[in-house]
Amino acid sequence: QEQLVESGGGLVQTGGSLRLSCAASGRDFSTYTMGWFRQAPGKEREFVGLITWTGSSTYYADSVKGRFTISRDNAKNTVDLQMSSLKPEDTATYYCAVAATPYEVARAIGRYDVWGQGTQVTVSS
């Protein structure tokens, strides 16, 4: 059974850093783009960033560009999201996800078919 499990969320002050991890199992994810998304209370889930299957390319939402970095280790089936210079507006539940199609690069939520349960990130002002 395919499964993603996020960890690393928590409470941090404005300007602080957090590192989220996503552990994948049940499939060889090395040919799939992995994405990070977030959802704040009362808002729609939004794209944060993605990393292509080899890890050679990453793309980020403008709101996090320059502050967040995604990396992956295909040997361990893990994907990390390093967040720095955190702002209160970064407060959300963060989800990792796997693209539905091998070798596809996509930002749209509908292009991802396996999702983790989410991990809460709260940034205090």
PDB file of N, CA and C in Angstrom:
ATOM      1  N   GLN A   1       0.846  -1.196   0.000  1.00  0.00           N
ATOM      2  CA  GLN A   1       0.000   0.000   0.000  1.00  0.00           C
ATOM      3  C   GLN A   1       0.877   1.240   0.000  1.00  0.00           C
ATOM      4  N   GLU A   2       0.583   2.141  -0.926  1.00  0.00           N
ATOM      5  CA  GLU A   2       1.355   3.370  -1.015  1.00  0.00           C
ATOM      6  C   GLU A   2       1.020   4.289   0.155  1.00  0.00           C
ATOM      7  N   GLN A   3       2.049   4.859   0.715  1.00  0.00           N
ATOM      8  CA  GLN A   3       1.832   5.690   1.887  1.00  0.00           C
ATOM      9  C   GLN A   3       2.891   6.768   1.983  1.00  0.00           C
ATOM     10  N   LEU A   4       2.461   7.955   2.405  1.00  0.00           N
ATOM     11  CA  LEU A   4       3.370   9.063   2.689  1.00  0.00           C
ATOM     12  C   LEU A   4       3.125   9.498   4.120  1.00  0.00           C
ATOM     13  N   VAL A   5       4.185   9.714   4.857  1.00  0.00           N
ATOM     14  CA  VAL A   5       4.066  10.146   6.246  1.00  0.00           C
ATOM     15  C   VAL A   5       4.958  11.363   6.456  1.00  0.00           C
ATOM     16  N   GLU A   6       4.334  12.493   6.799  1.00  0.00           N
ATOM     17  CA  GLU A   6       5.077  13.713   7.074  1.00  0.00           C
ATOM     18  C   GLU A   6       5.430  13.791   8.549  1.00  0.00           C
ATOM     19  N   SER A   7       6.516  14.490   8.824  1.00  0.00           N
ATOM     20  CA  SER A   7       6.921  14.748  10.206  1.00  0.00           C
ATOM     21  C   SER A   7       7.709  16.049  10.249  1.00  0.00           C
ATOM     22  N   GLY A   8       7.881  16.564  11.465  1.00  0.00           N
ATOM     23  CA  GLY A   8       8.732  17.735  11.634  1.00  0.00           C
ATOM     24  C   GLY A   8       8.003  19.036  11.875  1.00  0.00           C
ATOM     25  N   GLY A   9       6.684  19.015  11.840  1.00  0.00           N
ATOM     26  CA  GLY A   9       5.954  20.246  12.092  1.00  0.00           C
ATOM     27  C   GLY A   9       6.041  20.678  13.538  1.00  0.00           C
ATOM     28  N   GLY A  10       5.585  21.883  13.806  1.00  0.00           N
ATOM     29  CA  GLY A  10       5.602  22.375  15.170  1.00  0.00           C
ATOM     30  C   GLY A  10       5.361  23.857  15.234  1.00  0.00           C
ATOM     31  N   LEU A  11       5.667  24.419  16.390  1.00  0.00           N
ATOM     32  CA  LEU A  11       5.486  25.850  16.647  1.00  0.00           C
ATOM     33  C   LEU A  11       6.850  26.534  16.586  1.00  0.00           C
ATOM     34  N   VAL A  12       6.909  27.614  15.842  1.00  0.00           N
ATOM     35  CA  VAL A  12       8.164  28.347  15.699  1.00  0.00           C
ATOM     36  C   VAL A  12       7.864  29.840  15.674  1.00  0.00           C
ATOM     37  N   GLN A  13       8.811  30.643  16.101  1.00  0.00           N
ATOM     38  CA  GLN A  13       8.630  32.086  16.079  1.00  0.00           C
ATOM     39  C   GLN A  13       8.925  32.652  14.690  1.00  0.00           C
ATOM     40  N   THR A  14       8.386  33.818  14.433  1.00  0.00           N
ATOM     41  CA  THR A  14       8.670  34.515  13.178  1.00  0.00           C
ATOM     42  C   THR A  14      10.184  34.635  12.978  1.00  0.00           C
ATOM     43  N   GLY A  15      10.603  34.293  11.766  1.00  0.00           N
ATOM     44  CA  GLY A  15      12.027  34.333  11.446  1.00  0.00           C
ATOM     45  C   GLY A  15      12.751  33.028  11.690  1.00  0.00           C
ATOM     46  N   GLY A  16      12.070  32.093  12.321  1.00  0.00           N
ATOM     47  CA  GLY A  16      12.679  30.808  12.635  1.00  0.00           C
ATOM     48  C   GLY A  16      12.674  29.845  11.471  1.00  0.00           C
ATOM     49  N   SER A  17      13.157  28.636  11.749  1.00  0.00           N
ATOM     50  CA  SER A  17      13.269  27.601  10.718  1.00  0.00           C
ATOM     51  C   SER A  17      12.657  26.290  11.195  1.00  0.00           C
ATOM     52  N   LEU A  18      12.210  25.510  10.223  1.00  0.00           N
ATOM     53  CA  LEU A  18      11.722  24.154  10.472  1.00  0.00           C
ATOM     54  C   LEU A  18      12.082  23.295   9.279  1.00  0.00           C
ATOM     55  N   ARG A  19      12.264  22.015   9.532  1.00  0.00           N
ATOM     56  CA  ARG A  19      12.521  21.073   8.458  1.00  0.00           C
ATOM     57  C   ARG A  19      11.462  19.983   8.517  1.00  0.00           C
ATOM     58  N   LEU A  20      10.697  19.886   7.454  1.00  0.00           N
ATOM     59  CA  LEU A  20       9.692  18.833   7.345  1.00  0.00           C
ATOM     60  C   LEU A  20      10.262  17.677   6.537  1.00  0.00           C
ATOM     61  N   SER A  21       9.868  16.487   6.909  1.00  0.00           N
ATOM     62  CA  SER A  21      10.283  15.297   6.177  1.00  0.00           C
ATOM     63  C   SER A  21       9.064  14.507   5.739  1.00  0.00           C
ATOM     64  N   CYS A  22       9.206  13.818   4.631  1.00  0.00           N
ATOM     65  CA  CYS A  22       8.142  12.982   4.107  1.00  0.00           C
ATOM     66  C   CYS A  22       8.756  11.628   3.752  1.00  0.00           C
ATOM     67  N   ALA A  23       8.263  10.590   4.401  1.00  0.00           N
ATOM     68  CA  ALA A  23       8.753   9.236   4.140  1.00  0.00           C
ATOM     69  C   ALA A  23       7.732   8.507   3.289  1.00  0.00           C
ATOM     70  N   ALA A  24       8.190   7.962   2.173  1.00  0.00           N
ATOM     71  CA  ALA A  24       7.304   7.293   1.228  1.00  0.00           C
ATOM     72  C   ALA A  24       7.536   5.788   1.257  1.00  0.00           C
ATOM     73  N   SER A  25       6.473   5.039   1.047  1.00  0.00           N
ATOM     74  CA  SER A  25       6.582   3.585   1.013  1.00  0.00           C
ATOM     75  C   SER A  25       5.515   3.016   0.093  1.00  0.00           C
ATOM     76  N   GLY A  26       5.740   1.772  -0.344  1.00  0.00           N
ATOM     77  CA  GLY A  26       4.737   1.075  -1.135  1.00  0.00           C
ATOM     78  C   GLY A  26       4.871   1.220  -2.635  1.00  0.00           C
ATOM     79  N   ARG A  27       5.833   2.040  -3.067  1.00  0.00           N
ATOM     80  CA  ARG A  27       6.038   2.248  -4.516  1.00  0.00           C
ATOM     81  C   ARG A  27       7.460   2.729  -4.707  1.00  0.00           C
ATOM     82  N   ASP A  28       7.993   2.487  -5.868  1.00  0.00           N
ATOM     83  CA  ASP A  28       9.266   3.091  -6.239  1.00  0.00           C
ATOM     84  C   ASP A  28       8.975   4.502  -6.718  1.00  0.00           C
ATOM     85  N   PHE A  29       9.298   5.481  -5.868  1.00  0.00           N
ATOM     86  CA  PHE A  29       8.967   6.868  -6.178  1.00  0.00           C
ATOM     87  C   PHE A  29      10.062   7.582  -6.965  1.00  0.00           C
ATOM     88  N   SER A  30      11.071   6.865  -7.346  1.00  0.00           N
ATOM     89  CA  SER A  30      12.224   7.514  -7.962  1.00  0.00           C
ATOM     90  C   SER A  30      11.956   8.048  -9.362  1.00  0.00           C
ATOM     91  N   THR A  31      10.821   7.721  -9.955  1.00  0.00           N
ATOM     92  CA  THR A  31      10.474   8.242 -11.273  1.00  0.00           C
ATOM     93  C   THR A  31       9.321   9.238 -11.210  1.00  0.00           C
ATOM     94  N   TYR A  32       8.991   9.691 -10.003  1.00  0.00           N
ATOM     95  CA  TYR A  32       7.856  10.588  -9.812  1.00  0.00           C
ATOM     96  C   TYR A  32       8.270  11.915  -9.186  1.00  0.00           C
ATOM     97  N   THR A  33       7.677  12.977  -9.701  1.00  0.00           N
ATOM     98  CA  THR A  33       7.793  14.271  -9.042  1.00  0.00           C
ATOM     99  C   THR A  33       7.110  14.204  -7.672  1.00  0.00           C
ATOM    100  N   MET A  34       7.743  14.836  -6.700  1.00  0.00           N
ATOM    101  CA  MET A  34       7.161  14.952  -5.360  1.00  0.00           C
ATOM    102  C   MET A  34       6.851  16.422  -5.099  1.00  0.00           C
ATOM    103  N   GLY A  35       5.685  16.660  -4.515  1.00  0.00           N
ATOM    104  CA  GLY A  35       5.278  18.034  -4.254  1.00  0.00           C
ATOM    105  C   GLY A  35       4.976  18.270  -2.795  1.00  0.00           C
ATOM    106  N   TRP A  36       5.082  19.527  -2.406  1.00  0.00           N
ATOM    107  CA  TRP A  36       4.650  19.979  -1.084  1.00  0.00           C
ATOM    108  C   TRP A  36       3.527  20.992  -1.285  1.00  0.00           C
ATOM    109  N   PHE A  37       2.497  20.866  -0.490  1.00  0.00           N
ATOM    110  CA  PHE A  37       1.352  21.750  -0.519  1.00  0.00           C
ATOM    111  C   PHE A  37       1.025  22.161   0.910  1.00  0.00           C
ATOM    112  N   ARG A  38       0.208  23.183   1.050  1.00  0.00           N
ATOM    113  CA  ARG A  38      -0.218  23.589   2.391  1.00  0.00           C
ATOM    114  C   ARG A  38      -1.646  24.110   2.349  1.00  0.00           C
ATOM    115  N   GLN A  39      -2.255  24.027   3.498  1.00  0.00           N
ATOM    116  CA  GLN A  39      -3.634  24.502   3.618  1.00  0.00           C
ATOM    117  C   GLN A  39      -3.809  25.187   4.957  1.00  0.00           C
ATOM    118  N   ALA A  40      -4.148  26.466   4.885  1.00  0.00           N
ATOM    119  CA  ALA A  40      -4.415  27.245   6.085  1.00  0.00           C
ATOM    120  C   ALA A  40      -5.904  27.165   6.403  1.00  0.00           C
ATOM    121  N   PRO A  41      -6.276  27.386   7.645  1.00  0.00           N
ATOM    122  CA  PRO A  41      -7.701  27.324   8.015  1.00  0.00           C
ATOM    123  C   PRO A  41      -8.535  28.270   7.163  1.00  0.00           C
ATOM    124  N   GLY A  42      -9.608  27.749   6.603  1.00  0.00           N
ATOM    125  CA  GLY A  42     -10.506  28.568   5.816  1.00  0.00           C
ATOM    126  C   GLY A  42     -10.039  28.870   4.414  1.00  0.00           C
ATOM    127  N   LYS A  43      -8.908  28.302   4.029  1.00  0.00           N
ATOM    128  CA  LYS A  43      -8.363  28.563   2.697  1.00  0.00           C
ATOM    129  C   LYS A  43      -8.219  27.262   1.911  1.00  0.00           C
ATOM    130  N   GLU A  44      -8.062  27.411   0.629  1.00  0.00           N
ATOM    131  CA  GLU A  44      -7.859  26.243  -0.215  1.00  0.00           C
ATOM    132  C   GLU A  44      -6.418  25.753  -0.109  1.00  0.00           C
ATOM    133  N   ARG A  45      -6.255  24.478  -0.395  1.00  0.00           N
ATOM    134  CA  ARG A  45      -4.903  23.924  -0.416  1.00  0.00           C
ATOM    135  C   ARG A  45      -4.136  24.547  -1.581  1.00  0.00           C
ATOM    136  N   GLU A  46      -2.872  24.890  -1.313  1.00  0.00           N
ATOM    137  CA  GLU A  46      -2.087  25.575  -2.341  1.00  0.00           C
ATOM    138  C   GLU A  46      -0.727  24.919  -2.526  1.00  0.00           C
ATOM    139  N   PHE A  47      -0.198  25.103  -3.705  1.00  0.00           N
ATOM    140  CA  PHE A  47       1.118  24.591  -4.063  1.00  0.00           C
ATOM    141  C   PHE A  47       2.206  25.357  -3.321  1.00  0.00           C
ATOM    142  N   VAL A  48       3.171  24.627  -2.805  1.00  0.00           N
ATOM    143  CA  VAL A  48       4.337  25.233  -2.146  1.00  0.00           C
ATOM    144  C   VAL A  48       5.583  25.051  -3.012  1.00  0.00           C
ATOM    145  N   GLY A  49       5.808  23.827  -3.449  1.00  0.00           N
ATOM    146  CA  GLY A  49       6.982  23.558  -4.268  1.00  0.00           C
ATOM    147  C   GLY A  49       7.002  22.106  -4.703  1.00  0.00           C
ATOM    148  N   LEU A  50       7.910  21.808  -5.628  1.00  0.00           N
ATOM    149  CA  LEU A  50       8.059  20.437  -6.089  1.00  0.00           C
ATOM    150  C   LEU A  50       9.506  20.145  -6.431  1.00  0.00           C
ATOM    151  N   ILE A  51       9.799  18.863  -6.488  1.00  0.00           N
ATOM    152  CA  ILE A  51      11.126  18.425  -6.896  1.00  0.00           C
ATOM    153  C   ILE A  51      10.946  17.289  -7.896  1.00  0.00           C
ATOM    154  N   THR A  52      11.657  17.358  -8.985  1.00  0.00           N
ATOM    155  CA  THR A  52      11.530  16.333 -10.020  1.00  0.00           C
ATOM    156  C   THR A  52      12.155  15.015  -9.576  1.00  0.00           C
ATOM    157  N   TRP A  53      11.952  13.963 -10.334  1.00  0.00           N
ATOM    158  CA  TRP A  53      12.248  12.607  -9.911  1.00  0.00           C
ATOM    159  C   TRP A  53      13.722  12.386  -9.599  1.00  0.00           C
ATOM    160  N   THR A  54      14.633  13.043 -10.310  1.00  0.00           N
ATOM    161  CA  THR A  54      16.054  12.869  -9.987  1.00  0.00           C
ATOM    162  C   THR A  54      16.527  13.884  -8.957  1.00  0.00           C
ATOM    163  N   GLY A  55      15.700  14.849  -8.662  1.00  0.00           N
ATOM    164  CA  GLY A  55      16.113  15.918  -7.762  1.00  0.00           C
ATOM    165  C   GLY A  55      16.874  17.028  -8.443  1.00  0.00           C
ATOM    166  N   SER A  56      16.972  16.973  -9.765  1.00  0.00           N
ATOM    167  CA  SER A  56      17.772  17.955 -10.484  1.00  0.00           C
ATOM    168  C   SER A  56      17.090  19.300 -10.615  1.00  0.00           C
ATOM    169  N   SER A  57      15.755  19.317 -10.472  1.00  0.00           N
ATOM    170  CA  SER A  57      15.021  20.577 -10.623  1.00  0.00           C
ATOM    171  C   SER A  57      14.010  20.748  -9.501  1.00  0.00           C
ATOM    172  N   THR A  58      13.876  21.993  -9.085  1.00  0.00           N
ATOM    173  CA  THR A  58      12.868  22.341  -8.089  1.00  0.00           C
ATOM    174  C   THR A  58      12.129  23.593  -8.552  1.00  0.00           C
ATOM    175  N   TYR A  59      10.883  23.708  -8.126  1.00  0.00           N
ATOM    176  CA  TYR A  59      10.069  24.867  -8.452  1.00  0.00           C
ATOM    177  C   TYR A  59       9.309  25.256  -7.190  1.00  0.00           C
ATOM    178  N   TYR A  60       9.123  26.552  -6.996  1.00  0.00           N
ATOM    179  CA  TYR A  60       8.502  27.050  -5.777  1.00  0.00           C
ATOM    180  C   TYR A  60       7.441  28.093  -6.086  1.00  0.00           C
ATOM    181  N   ALA A  61       6.474  28.160  -5.191  1.00  0.00           N
ATOM    182  CA  ALA A  61       5.525  29.257  -5.243  1.00  0.00           C
ATOM    183  C   ALA A  61       6.268  30.556  -4.946  1.00  0.00           C
ATOM    184  N   ASP A  62       5.799  31.635  -5.536  1.00  0.00           N
ATOM    185  CA  ASP A  62       6.462  32.919  -5.329  1.00  0.00           C
ATOM    186  C   ASP A  62       6.511  33.298  -3.844  1.00  0.00           C
ATOM    187  N   SER A  63       5.495  32.887  -3.105  1.00  0.00           N
ATOM    188  CA  SER A  63       5.402  33.277  -1.696  1.00  0.00           C
ATOM    189  C   SER A  63       6.494  32.648  -0.830  1.00  0.00           C
ATOM    190  N   VAL A  64       7.122  31.570  -1.315  1.00  0.00           N
ATOM    191  CA  VAL A  64       8.140  30.895  -0.501  1.00  0.00           C
ATOM    192  C   VAL A  64       9.513  30.881  -1.167  1.00  0.00           C
ATOM    193  N   LYS A  65       9.577  31.363  -2.375  1.00  0.00           N
ATOM    194  CA  LYS A  65      10.833  31.332  -3.125  1.00  0.00           C
ATOM    195  C   LYS A  65      11.921  32.075  -2.373  1.00  0.00           C
ATOM    196  N   GLY A  66      13.071  31.452  -2.277  1.00  0.00           N
ATOM    197  CA  GLY A  66      14.188  32.053  -1.557  1.00  0.00           C
ATOM    198  C   GLY A  66      14.193  31.751  -0.073  1.00  0.00           C
ATOM    199  N   ARG A  67      13.096  31.206   0.443  1.00  0.00           N
ATOM    200  CA  ARG A  67      13.023  30.871   1.877  1.00  0.00           C
ATOM    201  C   ARG A  67      12.906  29.364   2.102  1.00  0.00           C
ATOM    202  N   PHE A  68      12.301  28.670   1.162  1.00  0.00           N
ATOM    203  CA  PHE A  68      12.072  27.229   1.305  1.00  0.00           C
ATOM    204  C   PHE A  68      12.940  26.475   0.303  1.00  0.00           C
ATOM    205  N   THR A  69      13.383  25.289   0.710  1.00  0.00           N
ATOM    206  CA  THR A  69      14.193  24.448  -0.171  1.00  0.00           C
ATOM    207  C   THR A  69      13.722  23.005  -0.051  1.00  0.00           C
ATOM    208  N   ILE A  70      13.519  22.374  -1.202  1.00  0.00           N
ATOM    209  CA  ILE A  70      13.092  20.975  -1.230  1.00  0.00           C
ATOM    210  C   ILE A  70      14.263  20.112  -1.677  1.00  0.00           C
ATOM    211  N   SER A  71      14.417  18.978  -1.027  1.00  0.00           N
ATOM    212  CA  SER A  71      15.435  18.007  -1.412  1.00  0.00           C
ATOM    213  C   SER A  71      14.833  16.606  -1.303  1.00  0.00           C
ATOM    214  N   ARG A  72      15.489  15.655  -1.931  1.00  0.00           N
ATOM    215  CA  ARG A  72      14.990  14.282  -1.858  1.00  0.00           C
ATOM    216  C   ARG A  72      16.162  13.305  -1.847  1.00  0.00           C
ATOM    217  N   ASP A  73      15.898  12.142  -1.278  1.00  0.00           N
ATOM    218  CA  ASP A  73      16.866  11.059  -1.262  1.00  0.00           C
ATOM    219  C   ASP A  73      16.129   9.823  -1.767  1.00  0.00           C
ATOM    220  N   ASN A  74      16.339   9.476  -3.015  1.00  0.00           N
ATOM    221  CA  ASN A  74      15.599   8.350  -3.600  1.00  0.00           C
ATOM    222  C   ASN A  74      16.021   7.014  -2.988  1.00  0.00           C
ATOM    223  N   ALA A  75      17.211   6.929  -2.508  1.00  0.00           N
ATOM    224  CA  ALA A  75      17.647   5.684  -1.874  1.00  0.00           C
ATOM    225  C   ALA A  75      16.874   5.435  -0.581  1.00  0.00           C
ATOM    226  N   LYS A  76      16.470   6.496   0.081  1.00  0.00           N
ATOM    227  CA  LYS A  76      15.723   6.384   1.339  1.00  0.00           C
ATOM    228  C   LYS A  76      14.234   6.637   1.146  1.00  0.00           C
ATOM    229  N   ASN A  77      13.845   7.010  -0.064  1.00  0.00           N
ATOM    230  CA  ASN A  77      12.438   7.333  -0.344  1.00  0.00           C
ATOM    231  C   ASN A  77      11.934   8.447   0.571  1.00  0.00           C
ATOM    232  N   THR A  78      12.728   9.495   0.685  1.00  0.00           N
ATOM    233  CA  THR A  78      12.331  10.621   1.519  1.00  0.00           C
ATOM    234  C   THR A  78      12.423  11.931   0.745  1.00  0.00           C
ATOM    235  N   VAL A  79      11.593  12.873   1.132  1.00  0.00           N
ATOM    236  CA  VAL A  79      11.608  14.222   0.580  1.00  0.00           C
ATOM    237  C   VAL A  79      11.527  15.194   1.746  1.00  0.00           C
ATOM    238  N   ASP A  80      12.372  16.186   1.750  1.00  0.00           N
ATOM    239  CA  ASP A  80      12.411  17.164   2.829  1.00  0.00           C
ATOM    240  C   ASP A  80      12.032  18.545   2.330  1.00  0.00           C
ATOM    241  N   LEU A  81      11.469  19.324   3.237  1.00  0.00           N
ATOM    242  CA  LEU A  81      11.167  20.727   2.977  1.00  0.00           C
ATOM    243  C   LEU A  81      11.822  21.546   4.083  1.00  0.00           C
ATOM    244  N   GLN A  82      12.880  22.236   3.722  1.00  0.00           N
ATOM    245  CA  GLN A  82      13.565  23.119   4.666  1.00  0.00           C
ATOM    246  C   GLN A  82      12.955  24.495   4.557  1.00  0.00           C
ATOM    247  N   MET A  83      12.437  24.995   5.684  1.00  0.00           N
ATOM    248  CA  MET A  83      11.767  26.289   5.705  1.00  0.00           C
ATOM    249  C   MET A  83      12.541  27.226   6.611  1.00  0.00           C
ATOM    250  N   SER A  84      12.841  28.402   6.108  1.00  0.00           N
ATOM    251  CA  SER A  84      13.544  29.395   6.905  1.00  0.00           C
ATOM    252  C   SER A  84      12.857  30.747   6.755  1.00  0.00           C
ATOM    253  N   SER A  85      13.249  31.684   7.589  1.00  0.00           N
ATOM    254  CA  SER A  85      12.635  33.020   7.597  1.00  0.00           C
ATOM    255  C   SER A  85      11.122  32.914   7.611  1.00  0.00           C
ATOM    256  N   LEU A  86      10.630  32.071   8.487  1.00  0.00           N
ATOM    257  CA  LEU A  86       9.196  31.798   8.518  1.00  0.00           C
ATOM    258  C   LEU A  86       8.402  33.019   8.958  1.00  0.00           C
ATOM    259  N   LYS A  87       7.214  33.116   8.381  1.00  0.00           N
ATOM    260  CA  LYS A  87       6.313  34.236   8.640  1.00  0.00           C
ATOM    261  C   LYS A  87       4.991  33.681   9.185  1.00  0.00           C
ATOM    262  N   PRO A  88       4.234  34.494   9.885  1.00  0.00           N
ATOM    263  CA  PRO A  88       2.930  34.016  10.367  1.00  0.00           C
ATOM    264  C   PRO A  88       2.037  33.498   9.244  1.00  0.00           C
ATOM    265  N   GLU A  89       2.161  34.067   8.063  1.00  0.00           N
ATOM    266  CA  GLU A  89       1.318  33.608   6.949  1.00  0.00           C
ATOM    267  C   GLU A  89       1.737  32.247   6.408  1.00  0.00           C
ATOM    268  N   ASP A  90       2.826  31.698   6.894  1.00  0.00           N
ATOM    269  CA  ASP A  90       3.219  30.338   6.550  1.00  0.00           C
ATOM    270  C   ASP A  90       2.489  29.300   7.407  1.00  0.00           C
ATOM    271  N   THR A  91       1.762  29.767   8.391  1.00  0.00           N
ATOM    272  CA  THR A  91       1.020  28.851   9.252  1.00  0.00           C
ATOM    273  C   THR A  91      -0.003  28.066   8.443  1.00  0.00           C
ATOM    274  N   ALA A  92       0.085  26.752   8.527  1.00  0.00           N
ATOM    275  CA  ALA A  92      -0.789  25.883   7.731  1.00  0.00           C
ATOM    276  C   ALA A  92      -0.487  24.431   8.065  1.00  0.00           C
ATOM    277  N   THR A  93      -1.328  23.559   7.548  1.00  0.00           N
ATOM    278  CA  THR A  93      -1.004  22.136   7.532  1.00  0.00           C
ATOM    279  C   THR A  93      -0.283  21.853   6.221  1.00  0.00           C
ATOM    280  N   TYR A  94       0.861  21.214   6.330  1.00  0.00           N
ATOM    281  CA  TYR A  94       1.691  20.951   5.157  1.00  0.00           C
ATOM    282  C   TYR A  94       1.574  19.486   4.760  1.00  0.00           C
ATOM    283  N   TYR A  95       1.430  19.283   3.462  1.00  0.00           N
ATOM    284  CA  TYR A  95       1.246  17.941   2.921  1.00  0.00           C
ATOM    285  C   TYR A  95       2.302  17.646   1.855  1.00  0.00           C
ATOM    286  N   CYS A  96       2.808  16.439   1.853  1.00  0.00           N
ATOM    287  CA  CYS A  96       3.599  16.003   0.705  1.00  0.00           C
ATOM    288  C   CYS A  96       2.715  15.110  -0.166  1.00  0.00           C
ATOM    289  N   ALA A  97       3.069  15.039  -1.432  1.00  0.00           N
ATOM    290  CA  ALA A  97       2.259  14.283  -2.378  1.00  0.00           C
ATOM    291  C   ALA A  97       3.134  13.776  -3.514  1.00  0.00           C
ATOM    292  N   VAL A  98       2.649  12.728  -4.159  1.00  0.00           N
ATOM    293  CA  VAL A  98       3.347  12.123  -5.289  1.00  0.00           C
ATOM    294  C   VAL A  98       2.548  12.361  -6.559  1.00  0.00           C
ATOM    295  N   ALA A  99       3.227  12.751  -7.616  1.00  0.00           N
ATOM    296  CA  ALA A  99       2.556  12.932  -8.895  1.00  0.00           C
ATOM    297  C   ALA A  99       1.984  11.608  -9.375  1.00  0.00           C
ATOM    298  N   ALA A 100       0.874  11.697 -10.082  1.00  0.00           N
ATOM    299  CA  ALA A 100       0.175  10.488 -10.525  1.00  0.00           C
ATOM    300  C   ALA A 100       0.878   9.800 -11.685  1.00  0.00           C
ATOM    301  N   THR A 101       1.622  10.574 -12.464  1.00  0.00           N
ATOM    302  CA  THR A 101       2.220  10.051 -13.686  1.00  0.00           C
ATOM    303  C   THR A 101       3.739  10.150 -13.608  1.00  0.00           C
ATOM    304  N   PRO A 102       4.449   9.093 -13.969  1.00  0.00           N
ATOM    305  CA  PRO A 102       5.918   9.168 -13.949  1.00  0.00           C
ATOM    306  C   PRO A 102       6.430  10.262 -14.877  1.00  0.00           C
ATOM    307  N   TYR A 103       7.476  10.894 -14.458  1.00  0.00           N
ATOM    308  CA  TYR A 103       8.184  11.890 -15.266  1.00  0.00           C
ATOM    309  C   TYR A 103       7.331  13.110 -15.602  1.00  0.00           C
ATOM    310  N   GLU A 104       6.254  13.330 -14.878  1.00  0.00           N
ATOM    311  CA  GLU A 104       5.450  14.526 -15.087  1.00  0.00           C
ATOM    312  C   GLU A 104       5.812  15.592 -14.072  1.00  0.00           C
ATOM    313  N   VAL A 105       5.928  16.828 -14.548  1.00  0.00           N
ATOM    314  CA  VAL A 105       6.174  17.968 -13.672  1.00  0.00           C
ATOM    315  C   VAL A 105       4.901  18.801 -13.639  1.00  0.00           C
ATOM    316  N   ALA A 106       4.295  18.906 -12.483  1.00  0.00           N
ATOM    317  CA  ALA A 106       3.013  19.596 -12.401  1.00  0.00           C
ATOM    318  C   ALA A 106       2.857  20.265 -11.051  1.00  0.00           C
ATOM    319  N   ARG A 107       2.166  21.408 -11.059  1.00  0.00           N
ATOM    320  CA  ARG A 107       1.865  22.133  -9.828  1.00  0.00           C
ATOM    321  C   ARG A 107       0.436  21.899  -9.365  1.00  0.00           C
ATOM    322  N   ALA A 108      -0.423  21.472 -10.274  1.00  0.00           N
ATOM    323  CA  ALA A 108      -1.841  21.363  -9.945  1.00  0.00           C
ATOM    324  C   ALA A 108      -2.101  20.224  -8.973  1.00  0.00           C
ATOM    325  N   ILE A 109      -2.926  20.501  -8.001  1.00  0.00           N
ATOM    326  CA  ILE A 109      -3.254  19.501  -6.989  1.00  0.00           C
ATOM    327  C   ILE A 109      -3.792  18.235  -7.628  1.00  0.00           C
ATOM    328  N   GLY A 110      -4.607  18.381  -8.644  1.00  0.00           N
ATOM    329  CA  GLY A 110      -5.232  17.239  -9.302  1.00  0.00           C
ATOM    330  C   GLY A 110      -4.272  16.299  -9.994  1.00  0.00           C
ATOM    331  N   ARG A 111      -3.029  16.699 -10.159  1.00  0.00           N
ATOM    332  CA  ARG A 111      -2.021  15.859 -10.810  1.00  0.00           C
ATOM    333  C   ARG A 111      -1.292  14.969  -9.806  1.00  0.00           C
ATOM    334  N   TYR A 112      -1.665  15.027  -8.563  1.00  0.00           N
ATOM    335  CA  TYR A 112      -1.032  14.229  -7.507  1.00  0.00           C
ATOM    336  C   TYR A 112      -2.058  13.249  -6.940  1.00  0.00           C
ATOM    337  N   ASP A 113      -1.654  11.991  -6.790  1.00  0.00           N
ATOM    338  CA  ASP A 113      -2.654  10.994  -6.407  1.00  0.00           C
ATOM    339  C   ASP A 113      -2.400  10.307  -5.078  1.00  0.00           C
ATOM    340  N   VAL A 114      -1.272  10.525  -4.467  1.00  0.00           N
ATOM    341  CA  VAL A 114      -1.012   9.952  -3.141  1.00  0.00           C
ATOM    342  C   VAL A 114      -0.604  11.094  -2.229  1.00  0.00           C
ATOM    343  N   TRP A 115      -1.240  11.184  -1.084  1.00  0.00           N
ATOM    344  CA  TRP A 115      -1.044  12.304  -0.159  1.00  0.00           C
ATOM    345  C   TRP A 115      -0.739  11.789   1.240  1.00  0.00           C
ATOM    346  N   GLY A 116       0.061  12.550   1.940  1.00  0.00           N
ATOM    347  CA  GLY A 116       0.275  12.269   3.349  1.00  0.00           C
ATOM    348  C   GLY A 116      -0.868  12.814   4.187  1.00  0.00           C
ATOM    349  N   GLN A 117      -0.775  12.579   5.479  1.00  0.00           N
ATOM    350  CA  GLN A 117      -1.838  13.009   6.383  1.00  0.00           C
ATOM    351  C   GLN A 117      -1.683  14.470   6.807  1.00  0.00           C
ATOM    352  N   GLY A 118      -0.523  15.030   6.541  1.00  0.00           N
ATOM    353  CA  GLY A 118      -0.281  16.424   6.866  1.00  0.00           C
ATOM    354  C   GLY A 118       0.411  16.602   8.203  1.00  0.00           C
ATOM    355  N   THR A 119       1.151  17.686   8.315  1.00  0.00           N
ATOM    356  CA  THR A 119       1.802  18.059   9.570  1.00  0.00           C
ATOM    357  C   THR A 119       1.609  19.554   9.783  1.00  0.00           C
ATOM    358  N   GLN A 120       1.281  19.935  10.999  1.00  0.00           N
ATOM    359  CA  GLN A 120       0.930  21.322  11.304  1.00  0.00           C
ATOM    360  C   GLN A 120       2.182  22.164  11.544  1.00  0.00           C
ATOM    361  N   VAL A 121       2.204  23.308  10.908  1.00  0.00           N
ATOM    362  CA  VAL A 121       3.246  24.308  11.143  1.00  0.00           C
ATOM    363  C   VAL A 121       2.564  25.583  11.608  1.00  0.00           C
ATOM    364  N   THR A 122       2.990  26.073  12.765  1.00  0.00           N
ATOM    365  CA  THR A 122       2.439  27.300  13.318  1.00  0.00           C
ATOM    366  C   THR A 122       3.578  28.278  13.564  1.00  0.00           C
ATOM    367  N   VAL A 123       3.446  29.455  12.982  1.00  0.00           N
ATOM    368  CA  VAL A 123       4.462  30.494  13.138  1.00  0.00           C
ATOM    369  C   VAL A 123       3.860  31.618  13.968  1.00  0.00           C
ATOM    370  N   SER A 124       4.431  31.862  15.122  1.00  0.00           N
ATOM    371  CA  SER A 124       3.906  32.885  16.012  1.00  0.00           C
ATOM    372  C   SER A 124       4.565  34.228  15.712  1.00  0.00           C
ATOM    373  N   SER A 125       3.789  35.282  15.887  1.00  0.00           N
ATOM    374  CA  SER A 125       4.316  36.630  15.611  1.00  0.00           C
ATOM    375  C   SER A 125       4.907  37.256  16.851  1.00  0.00           C
TER     376      SER A 125
END
